[in-house]
Amino acid sequence: MKFLSNVRIGSRLGLAFGVILLLLMGICGLGLNVMSDIQARLDAVISKTNVKLVSANTMSAAVRDIAVLDSNLILLTDTEDMRVELKHVEAATLRFQRGRQALQDLVTTDEGKAMLGRIDKAVAEGTALNEQLIKLAMSNQNGAAKDFAIDRFQPAMRMALSEIEQFLAHEGRVAETSAEQSKTSYQRARMAMLALGAIAILLGAGVAFGITRSITRPIKRAVSLAEQVAAGDLTARIEPRSNDETGQLLRALRDMN
């Protein structure tokens, strides 16, 4: 701390406070940066992953509804009842399309897009079979419609549902991974902030001790010499060793001696 002997006391105190403030700013900056990263991950989970899960579940429910409604349709014989059932099928189809549209811009990974492609393929095949099944039912060919549903339509629906379930499982894993990454980021930030806080405490204590020592030791020496001069002892040897306020005080005492 010898280099501090030529620095004014006010400047030393300012330096000490400046170092402490810089350390505090570093801790705050690190904390804000990590919190921002965690918030971004949470936003991704909430605004994207959850929406994708809801949309995919909507699609799955719609496919199930269509399968059930078509099964009901082939059992009906009244034309008006069939038309009512067809309206329900159209409503379920619209729900599916809305769910699929919601996923269009949210799915960005190659794996996710490949899964959507398989879903689209399976649903397209099911849609074509569904149209054939409806024609058979509306023409009152219930026996043929039943066989067609069992042999071709229902397996196609199960395939579509299987593809959607795989997509849901994939998105569930993505959500879990995002949550784990957020947890890891938090733990790393916590450790880094604790380490930086410990360094700040130790460095702050060291700076405070050094600054205090550089101020109090010369003052004590100056007080001791002043007491000797006040007691009439003019033989004391006064050697100023600094250019700060205490050094100026010692020079004044030397000139008086």
C-alpha atoms as a PDB file:
ATOM      1  CA  MET A   1       0.000   0.000   0.000  1.00  0.00           C
ATOM      2  CA  LYS A   2       3.051   2.288  -0.191  1.00  0.00           C
ATOM      3  CA  PHE A   3       1.819   3.744  -3.486  1.00  0.00           C
ATOM      4  CA  LEU A   4      -1.217   5.088  -1.624  1.00  0.00           C
ATOM      5  CA  SER A   5       0.936   7.295   0.581  1.00  0.00           C
ATOM      6  CA  ASN A   6       1.047   9.950  -2.117  1.00  0.00           C
ATOM      7  CA  VAL A   7      -2.698   9.794  -2.789  1.00  0.00           C
ATOM      8  CA  ARG A   8      -4.941  12.180  -0.890  1.00  0.00           C
ATOM      9  CA  ILE A   9      -7.160  10.668   1.765  1.00  0.00           C
ATOM     10  CA  GLY A  10     -10.350  11.713  -0.034  1.00  0.00           C
ATOM     11  CA  SER A  11      -9.124  10.037  -3.218  1.00  0.00           C
ATOM     12  CA  ARG A  12      -8.289   6.852  -1.342  1.00  0.00           C
ATOM     13  CA  LEU A  13     -11.750   6.698   0.151  1.00  0.00           C
ATOM     14  CA  GLY A  14     -13.249   7.370  -3.255  1.00  0.00           C
ATOM     15  CA  LEU A  15     -11.141   4.560  -4.723  1.00  0.00           C
ATOM     16  CA  ALA A  16     -12.268   2.158  -2.011  1.00  0.00           C
ATOM     17  CA  PHE A  17     -15.932   2.992  -2.547  1.00  0.00           C
ATOM     18  CA  GLY A  18     -15.434   2.777  -6.310  1.00  0.00           C
ATOM     19  CA  VAL A  19     -14.012  -0.744  -6.098  1.00  0.00           C
ATOM     20  CA  ILE A  20     -16.905  -1.877  -3.910  1.00  0.00           C
ATOM     21  CA  LEU A  21     -19.445  -0.279  -6.263  1.00  0.00           C
ATOM     22  CA  LEU A  22     -17.851  -1.976  -9.274  1.00  0.00           C
ATOM     23  CA  LEU A  23     -18.094  -5.334  -7.539  1.00  0.00           C
ATOM     24  CA  LEU A  24     -21.737  -4.702  -6.697  1.00  0.00           C
ATOM     25  CA  MET A  25     -22.415  -3.674 -10.303  1.00  0.00           C
ATOM     26  CA  GLY A  26     -20.750  -6.891 -11.481  1.00  0.00           C
ATOM     27  CA  ILE A  27     -22.942  -8.999  -9.213  1.00  0.00           C
ATOM     28  CA  CYS A  28     -26.080  -7.137 -10.325  1.00  0.00           C
ATOM     29  CA  GLY A  29     -25.112  -7.432 -13.994  1.00  0.00           C
ATOM     30  CA  LEU A  30     -24.513 -11.162 -13.693  1.00  0.00           C
ATOM     31  CA  GLY A  31     -27.784 -11.627 -11.858  1.00  0.00           C
ATOM     32  CA  LEU A  32     -29.766  -9.641 -14.428  1.00  0.00           C
ATOM     33  CA  ASN A  33     -28.169 -11.493 -17.331  1.00  0.00           C
ATOM     34  CA  VAL A  34     -28.941 -14.905 -15.884  1.00  0.00           C
ATOM     35  CA  MET A  35     -32.464 -13.906 -14.865  1.00  0.00           C
ATOM     36  CA  SER A  36     -33.034 -12.685 -18.419  1.00  0.00           C
ATOM     37  CA  ASP A  37     -31.887 -16.042 -19.790  1.00  0.00           C
ATOM     38  CA  ILE A  38     -34.137 -17.955 -17.402  1.00  0.00           C
ATOM     39  CA  GLN A  39     -37.081 -15.681 -18.245  1.00  0.00           C
ATOM     40  CA  ALA A  40     -36.522 -16.255 -21.963  1.00  0.00           C
ATOM     41  CA  ARG A  41     -36.592 -20.013 -21.438  1.00  0.00           C
ATOM     42  CA  LEU A  42     -39.741 -19.801 -19.339  1.00  0.00           C
ATOM     43  CA  ASP A  43     -41.398 -17.593 -21.950  1.00  0.00           C
ATOM     44  CA  ALA A  44     -40.542 -20.186 -24.592  1.00  0.00           C
ATOM     45  CA  VAL A  45     -42.136 -22.916 -22.497  1.00  0.00           C
ATOM     46  CA  ILE A  46     -45.261 -20.881 -21.765  1.00  0.00           C
ATOM     47  CA  SER A  47     -45.809 -19.139 -25.082  1.00  0.00           C
ATOM     48  CA  LYS A  48     -44.684 -21.907 -27.437  1.00  0.00           C
ATOM     49  CA  THR A  49     -44.428 -25.357 -25.904  1.00  0.00           C
ATOM     50  CA  ASN A  50     -47.703 -25.126 -23.999  1.00  0.00           C
ATOM     51  CA  VAL A  51     -49.506 -23.801 -27.072  1.00  0.00           C
ATOM     52  CA  LYS A  52     -48.116 -26.665 -29.125  1.00  0.00           C
ATOM     53  CA  LEU A  53     -49.267 -29.203 -26.564  1.00  0.00           C
ATOM     54  CA  VAL A  54     -52.753 -27.692 -26.427  1.00  0.00           C
ATOM     55  CA  SER A  55     -52.998 -27.607 -30.234  1.00  0.00           C
ATOM     56  CA  ALA A  56     -51.820 -31.191 -30.600  1.00  0.00           C
ATOM     57  CA  ASN A  57     -54.288 -32.343 -27.939  1.00  0.00           C
ATOM     58  CA  THR A  58     -57.031 -30.502 -29.822  1.00  0.00           C
ATOM     59  CA  MET A  59     -56.071 -32.376 -32.975  1.00  0.00           C
ATOM     60  CA  SER A  60     -56.042 -35.700 -31.152  1.00  0.00           C
ATOM     61  CA  ALA A  61     -59.472 -35.068 -29.613  1.00  0.00           C
ATOM     62  CA  ALA A  62     -60.867 -34.063 -33.015  1.00  0.00           C
ATOM     63  CA  VAL A  63     -59.616 -37.270 -34.652  1.00  0.00           C
ATOM     64  CA  ARG A  64     -61.184 -39.337 -31.871  1.00  0.00           C
ATOM     65  CA  ASP A  65     -64.456 -37.440 -32.249  1.00  0.00           C
ATOM     66  CA  ILE A  66     -64.514 -38.053 -36.000  1.00  0.00           C
ATOM     67  CA  ALA A  67     -63.884 -41.763 -35.480  1.00  0.00           C
ATOM     68  CA  VAL A  68     -66.772 -41.992 -33.000  1.00  0.00           C
ATOM     69  CA  LEU A  69     -69.107 -39.853 -35.105  1.00  0.00           C
ATOM     70  CA  ASP A  70     -68.460 -41.942 -38.193  1.00  0.00           C
ATOM     71  CA  SER A  71     -69.145 -45.085 -36.188  1.00  0.00           C
ATOM     72  CA  ASN A  72     -72.478 -43.571 -35.182  1.00  0.00           C
ATOM     73  CA  LEU A  73     -73.196 -42.477 -38.731  1.00  0.00           C
ATOM     74  CA  ILE A  74     -73.056 -45.964 -40.196  1.00  0.00           C
ATOM     75  CA  LEU A  75     -75.650 -47.112 -37.673  1.00  0.00           C
ATOM     76  CA  LEU A  76     -78.199 -44.466 -38.621  1.00  0.00           C
ATOM     77  CA  THR A  77     -80.921 -44.869 -41.209  1.00  0.00           C
ATOM     78  CA  ASP A  78     -82.777 -41.561 -40.966  1.00  0.00           C
ATOM     79  CA  THR A  79     -81.470 -38.976 -43.439  1.00  0.00           C
ATOM     80  CA  GLU A  80     -82.033 -36.036 -41.114  1.00  0.00           C
ATOM     81  CA  ASP A  81     -80.170 -37.760 -38.296  1.00  0.00           C
ATOM     82  CA  MET A  82     -77.318 -38.444 -40.699  1.00  0.00           C
ATOM     83  CA  ARG A  83     -77.141 -34.783 -41.677  1.00  0.00           C
ATOM     84  CA  VAL A  84     -76.956 -33.761 -38.010  1.00  0.00           C
ATOM     85  CA  GLU A  85     -74.128 -36.257 -37.484  1.00  0.00           C
ATOM     86  CA  LEU A  86     -72.327 -34.934 -40.554  1.00  0.00           C
ATOM     87  CA  LYS A  87     -72.438 -31.416 -39.114  1.00  0.00           C
ATOM     88  CA  HIS A  88     -70.731 -32.754 -35.997  1.00  0.00           C
ATOM     89  CA  VAL A  89     -68.087 -34.358 -38.196  1.00  0.00           C
ATOM     90  CA  GLU A  90     -67.530 -31.047 -39.997  1.00  0.00           C
ATOM     91  CA  ALA A  91     -67.191 -29.228 -36.660  1.00  0.00           C
ATOM     92  CA  ALA A  92     -64.623 -31.765 -35.465  1.00  0.00           C
ATOM     93  CA  THR A  93     -62.754 -31.421 -38.751  1.00  0.00           C
ATOM     94  CA  LEU A  94     -62.665 -27.640 -38.291  1.00  0.00           C
ATOM     95  CA  ARG A  95     -61.273 -28.045 -34.754  1.00  0.00           C
ATOM     96  CA  PHE A  96     -58.539 -30.275 -36.127  1.00  0.00           C
ATOM     97  CA  GLN A  97     -57.641 -27.770 -38.843  1.00  0.00           C
ATOM     98  CA  ARG A  98     -57.436 -24.927 -36.335  1.00  0.00           C
ATOM     99  CA  GLY A  99     -55.137 -26.954 -34.104  1.00  0.00           C
ATOM    100  CA  ARG A 100     -52.940 -27.889 -37.064  1.00  0.00           C
ATOM    101  CA  GLN A 101     -52.768 -24.261 -38.233  1.00  0.00           C
ATOM    102  CA  ALA A 102     -51.651 -23.137 -34.783  1.00  0.00           C
ATOM    103  CA  LEU A 103     -48.670 -25.489 -35.040  1.00  0.00           C
ATOM    104  CA  GLN A 104     -47.588 -24.258 -38.454  1.00  0.00           C
ATOM    105  CA  ASP A 105     -45.332 -21.415 -37.277  1.00  0.00           C
ATOM    106  CA  LEU A 106     -44.536 -22.761 -33.791  1.00  0.00           C
ATOM    107  CA  VAL A 107     -42.736 -25.927 -34.842  1.00  0.00           C
ATOM    108  CA  THR A 108     -39.266 -24.945 -36.044  1.00  0.00           C
ATOM    109  CA  THR A 109     -37.038 -27.987 -35.437  1.00  0.00           C
ATOM    110  CA  ASP A 110     -36.371 -30.512 -38.188  1.00  0.00           C
ATOM    111  CA  GLU A 111     -37.585 -33.355 -35.979  1.00  0.00           C
ATOM    112  CA  GLY A 112     -40.813 -31.528 -35.166  1.00  0.00           C
ATOM    113  CA  LYS A 113     -41.458 -30.678 -38.805  1.00  0.00           C
ATOM    114  CA  ALA A 114     -40.855 -34.302 -39.803  1.00  0.00           C
ATOM    115  CA  MET A 115     -43.418 -35.410 -37.221  1.00  0.00           C
ATOM    116  CA  LEU A 116     -45.960 -32.912 -38.524  1.00  0.00           C
ATOM    117  CA  GLY A 117     -45.324 -34.222 -42.019  1.00  0.00           C
ATOM    118  CA  ARG A 118     -46.142 -37.760 -40.901  1.00  0.00           C
ATOM    119  CA  ILE A 119     -49.281 -36.495 -39.139  1.00  0.00           C
ATOM    120  CA  ASP A 120     -50.402 -34.681 -42.295  1.00  0.00           C
ATOM    121  CA  LYS A 121     -49.829 -37.817 -44.379  1.00  0.00           C
ATOM    122  CA  ALA A 122     -51.755 -40.046 -41.984  1.00  0.00           C
ATOM    123  CA  VAL A 123     -54.616 -37.540 -41.694  1.00  0.00           C
ATOM    124  CA  ALA A 124     -54.790 -37.088 -45.479  1.00  0.00           C
ATOM    125  CA  GLU A 125     -55.183 -40.844 -45.901  1.00  0.00           C
ATOM    126  CA  GLY A 126     -57.803 -40.906 -43.144  1.00  0.00           C
ATOM    127  CA  THR A 127     -59.679 -37.996 -44.716  1.00  0.00           C
ATOM    128  CA  ALA A 128     -59.924 -39.785 -48.063  1.00  0.00           C
ATOM    129  CA  LEU A 129     -61.197 -42.925 -46.348  1.00  0.00           C
ATOM    130  CA  ASN A 130     -63.614 -40.844 -44.269  1.00  0.00           C
ATOM    131  CA  GLU A 131     -65.186 -39.426 -47.435  1.00  0.00           C
ATOM    132  CA  GLN A 132     -65.661 -42.925 -48.826  1.00  0.00           C
ATOM    133  CA  LEU A 133     -67.192 -44.100 -45.563  1.00  0.00           C
ATOM    134  CA  ILE A 134     -69.650 -41.197 -45.538  1.00  0.00           C
ATOM    135  CA  LYS A 135     -70.739 -41.982 -49.102  1.00  0.00           C
ATOM    136  CA  LEU A 136     -71.439 -45.589 -48.141  1.00  0.00           C
ATOM    137  CA  ALA A 137     -73.364 -44.501 -45.039  1.00  0.00           C
ATOM    138  CA  MET A 138     -75.406 -41.843 -46.841  1.00  0.00           C
ATOM    139  CA  SER A 139     -76.405 -44.380 -49.490  1.00  0.00           C
ATOM    140  CA  ASN A 140     -77.628 -46.685 -46.696  1.00  0.00           C
ATOM    141  CA  GLN A 141     -75.031 -49.351 -47.433  1.00  0.00           C
ATOM    142  CA  ASN A 142     -74.598 -49.920 -43.730  1.00  0.00           C
ATOM    143  CA  GLY A 143     -73.125 -53.383 -43.996  1.00  0.00           C
ATOM    144  CA  ALA A 144     -70.467 -52.315 -46.482  1.00  0.00           C
ATOM    145  CA  ALA A 145     -69.831 -49.152 -44.462  1.00  0.00           C
ATOM    146  CA  LYS A 146     -69.309 -51.205 -41.313  1.00  0.00           C
ATOM    147  CA  ASP A 147     -66.826 -53.527 -43.002  1.00  0.00           C
ATOM    148  CA  PHE A 148     -65.033 -50.555 -44.569  1.00  0.00           C
ATOM    149  CA  ALA A 149     -64.808 -48.818 -41.185  1.00  0.00           C
ATOM    150  CA  ILE A 150     -63.369 -51.888 -39.464  1.00  0.00           C
ATOM    151  CA  ASP A 151     -60.948 -52.889 -42.212  1.00  0.00           C
ATOM    152  CA  ARG A 152     -59.669 -49.532 -43.434  1.00  0.00           C
ATOM    153  CA  PHE A 153     -61.020 -46.404 -41.743  1.00  0.00           C
ATOM    154  CA  GLN A 154     -60.437 -47.255 -38.072  1.00  0.00           C
ATOM    155  CA  PRO A 155     -56.826 -48.466 -38.664  1.00  0.00           C
ATOM    156  CA  ALA A 156     -56.129 -45.196 -40.502  1.00  0.00           C
ATOM    157  CA  MET A 157     -57.536 -43.218 -37.565  1.00  0.00           C
ATOM    158  CA  ARG A 158     -55.394 -45.194 -35.127  1.00  0.00           C
ATOM    159  CA  MET A 159     -52.336 -44.454 -37.253  1.00  0.00           C
ATOM    160  CA  ALA A 160     -53.117 -40.727 -37.220  1.00  0.00           C
ATOM    161  CA  LEU A 161     -53.627 -40.793 -33.454  1.00  0.00           C
ATOM    162  CA  SER A 162     -50.342 -42.657 -33.013  1.00  0.00           C
ATOM    163  CA  GLU A 163     -48.465 -39.982 -34.974  1.00  0.00           C
ATOM    164  CA  ILE A 164     -50.081 -37.217 -32.903  1.00  0.00           C
ATOM    165  CA  GLU A 165     -49.223 -39.046 -29.659  1.00  0.00           C
ATOM    166  CA  GLN A 166     -45.594 -39.287 -30.776  1.00  0.00           C
ATOM    167  CA  PHE A 167     -45.576 -35.550 -31.432  1.00  0.00           C
ATOM    168  CA  LEU A 168     -47.056 -34.892 -27.969  1.00  0.00           C
ATOM    169  CA  ALA A 169     -44.368 -37.064 -26.380  1.00  0.00           C
ATOM    170  CA  HIS A 170     -41.700 -35.187 -28.324  1.00  0.00           C
ATOM    171  CA  GLU A 171     -42.999 -31.792 -27.218  1.00  0.00           C
ATOM    172  CA  GLY A 172     -43.235 -33.050 -23.641  1.00  0.00           C
ATOM    173  CA  ARG A 173     -39.541 -33.941 -23.786  1.00  0.00           C
ATOM    174  CA  VAL A 174     -38.769 -30.508 -25.219  1.00  0.00           C
ATOM    175  CA  ALA A 175     -40.609 -28.881 -22.312  1.00  0.00           C
ATOM    176  CA  GLU A 176     -38.710 -31.021 -19.805  1.00  0.00           C
ATOM    177  CA  THR A 177     -35.406 -30.139 -21.463  1.00  0.00           C
ATOM    178  CA  SER A 178     -36.217 -26.419 -21.312  1.00  0.00           C
ATOM    179  CA  ALA A 179     -37.126 -26.751 -17.644  1.00  0.00           C
ATOM    180  CA  GLU A 180     -33.864 -28.585 -16.925  1.00  0.00           C
ATOM    181  CA  GLN A 181     -31.870 -25.952 -18.785  1.00  0.00           C
ATOM    182  CA  SER A 182     -33.565 -23.209 -16.771  1.00  0.00           C
ATOM    183  CA  LYS A 183     -32.781 -25.078 -13.568  1.00  0.00           C
ATOM    184  CA  THR A 184     -29.152 -25.534 -14.614  1.00  0.00           C
ATOM    185  CA  SER A 185     -28.846 -21.844 -15.532  1.00  0.00           C
ATOM    186  CA  TYR A 186     -30.247 -20.876 -12.137  1.00  0.00           C
ATOM    187  CA  GLN A 187     -27.855 -23.181 -10.277  1.00  0.00           C
ATOM    188  CA  ARG A 188     -24.849 -21.889 -12.233  1.00  0.00           C
ATOM    189  CA  ALA A 189     -25.909 -18.306 -11.648  1.00  0.00           C
ATOM    190  CA  ARG A 190     -26.399 -18.991  -7.950  1.00  0.00           C
ATOM    191  CA  MET A 191     -22.921 -20.476  -7.625  1.00  0.00           C
ATOM    192  CA  ALA A 192     -21.359 -17.674  -9.678  1.00  0.00           C
ATOM    193  CA  MET A 193     -23.101 -14.986  -7.620  1.00  0.00           C
ATOM    194  CA  LEU A 194     -22.078 -16.676  -4.360  1.00  0.00           C
ATOM    195  CA  ALA A 195     -18.472 -16.910  -5.574  1.00  0.00           C
ATOM    196  CA  LEU A 196     -18.465 -13.320  -6.805  1.00  0.00           C
ATOM    197  CA  GLY A 197     -20.084 -12.208  -3.568  1.00  0.00           C
ATOM    198  CA  ALA A 198     -17.391 -13.974  -1.544  1.00  0.00           C
ATOM    199  CA  ILE A 199     -14.690 -12.380  -3.689  1.00  0.00           C
ATOM    200  CA  ALA A 200     -16.352  -8.993  -3.258  1.00  0.00           C
ATOM    201  CA  ILE A 201     -16.432  -9.410   0.520  1.00  0.00           C
ATOM    202  CA  LEU A 202     -12.792 -10.489   0.709  1.00  0.00           C
ATOM    203  CA  LEU A 203     -11.582  -7.853  -1.727  1.00  0.00           C
ATOM    204  CA  GLY A 204     -13.709  -5.181  -0.088  1.00  0.00           C
ATOM    205  CA  ALA A 205     -12.357  -6.142   3.330  1.00  0.00           C
ATOM    206  CA  GLY A 206      -8.805  -6.070   1.975  1.00  0.00           C
ATOM    207  CA  VAL A 207      -9.277  -2.687   0.333  1.00  0.00           C
ATOM    208  CA  ALA A 208     -10.930  -1.297   3.461  1.00  0.00           C
ATOM    209  CA  PHE A 209      -8.140  -2.604   5.675  1.00  0.00           C
ATOM    210  CA  GLY A 210      -5.416  -1.274   3.383  1.00  0.00           C
ATOM    211  CA  ILE A 211      -7.038   2.153   2.994  1.00  0.00           C
ATOM    212  CA  THR A 212      -7.708   2.426   6.730  1.00  0.00           C
ATOM    213  CA  ARG A 213      -4.154   1.404   7.587  1.00  0.00           C
ATOM    214  CA  SER A 214      -2.691   3.854   5.087  1.00  0.00           C
ATOM    215  CA  ILE A 215      -4.635   6.652   6.792  1.00  0.00           C
ATOM    216  CA  THR A 216      -4.472   5.775  10.496  1.00  0.00           C
ATOM    217  CA  ARG A 217      -0.761   4.891  10.767  1.00  0.00           C
ATOM    218  CA  PRO A 218       0.561   8.242   9.488  1.00  0.00           C
ATOM    219  CA  ILE A 219      -2.040  10.098  11.566  1.00  0.00           C
ATOM    220  CA  LYS A 220      -0.998   8.243  14.715  1.00  0.00           C
ATOM    221  CA  ARG A 221       2.649   9.087  13.982  1.00  0.00           C
ATOM    222  CA  ALA A 222       1.755  12.727  13.380  1.00  0.00           C
ATOM    223  CA  VAL A 223      -0.249  12.853  16.639  1.00  0.00           C
ATOM    224  CA  SER A 224       2.676  11.317  18.549  1.00  0.00           C
ATOM    225  CA  LEU A 225       5.108  13.883  17.137  1.00  0.00           C
ATOM    226  CA  ALA A 226       2.677  16.729  17.817  1.00  0.00           C
ATOM    227  CA  GLU A 227       2.425  15.616  21.456  1.00  0.00           C
ATOM    228  CA  GLN A 228       6.209  15.595  21.755  1.00  0.00           C
ATOM    229  CA  VAL A 229       6.437  19.105  20.345  1.00  0.00           C
ATOM    230  CA  ALA A 230       3.616  20.268  22.617  1.00  0.00           C
ATOM    231  CA  ALA A 231       5.508  18.825  25.587  1.00  0.00           C
ATOM    232  CA  GLY A 232       8.513  20.942  24.673  1.00  0.00           C
ATOM    233  CA  ASP A 233      10.570  18.162  23.141  1.00  0.00           C
ATOM    234  CA  LEU A 234      12.051  19.744  20.037  1.00  0.00           C
ATOM    235  CA  THR A 235      14.572  16.959  19.442  1.00  0.00           C
ATOM    236  CA  ALA A 236      12.113  14.619  17.739  1.00  0.00           C
ATOM    237  CA  ARG A 237      13.198  13.645  14.250  1.00  0.00           C
ATOM    238  CA  ILE A 238      10.445  14.315  11.744  1.00  0.00           C
ATOM    239  CA  GLU A 239      10.736  12.753   8.299  1.00  0.00           C
ATOM    240  CA  PRO A 240       7.644  13.169   6.061  1.00  0.00           C
ATOM    241  CA  ARG A 241       7.267  10.133   3.833  1.00  0.00           C
ATOM    242  CA  SER A 242       4.221  11.059   1.818  1.00  0.00           C
ATOM    243  CA  ASN A 243       2.629  13.904  -0.060  1.00  0.00           C
ATOM    244  CA  ASP A 244      -0.875  13.505   1.305  1.00  0.00           C
ATOM    245  CA  GLU A 245      -2.507  15.451   4.135  1.00  0.00           C
ATOM    246  CA  THR A 246      -0.536  13.602   6.831  1.00  0.00           C
ATOM    247  CA  GLY A 247       2.693  14.270   4.969  1.00  0.00           C
ATOM    248  CA  GLN A 248       1.794  17.973   4.825  1.00  0.00           C
ATOM    249  CA  LEU A 249       1.062  17.918   8.564  1.00  0.00           C
ATOM    250  CA  LEU A 250       4.441  16.342   9.320  1.00  0.00           C
ATOM    251  CA  ARG A 251       6.218  18.949   7.219  1.00  0.00           C
ATOM    252  CA  ALA A 252       4.431  21.694   9.152  1.00  0.00           C
ATOM    253  CA  LEU A 253       5.572  20.096  12.432  1.00  0.00           C
ATOM    254  CA  ARG A 254       9.113  19.826  11.117  1.00  0.00           C
ATOM    255  CA  ASP A 255       9.128  23.484  10.183  1.00  0.00           C
ATOM    256  CA  MET A 256       7.901  24.349  13.686  1.00  0.00           C
ATOM    257  CA  ASN A 257      10.526  22.163  15.314  1.00  0.00           C
END
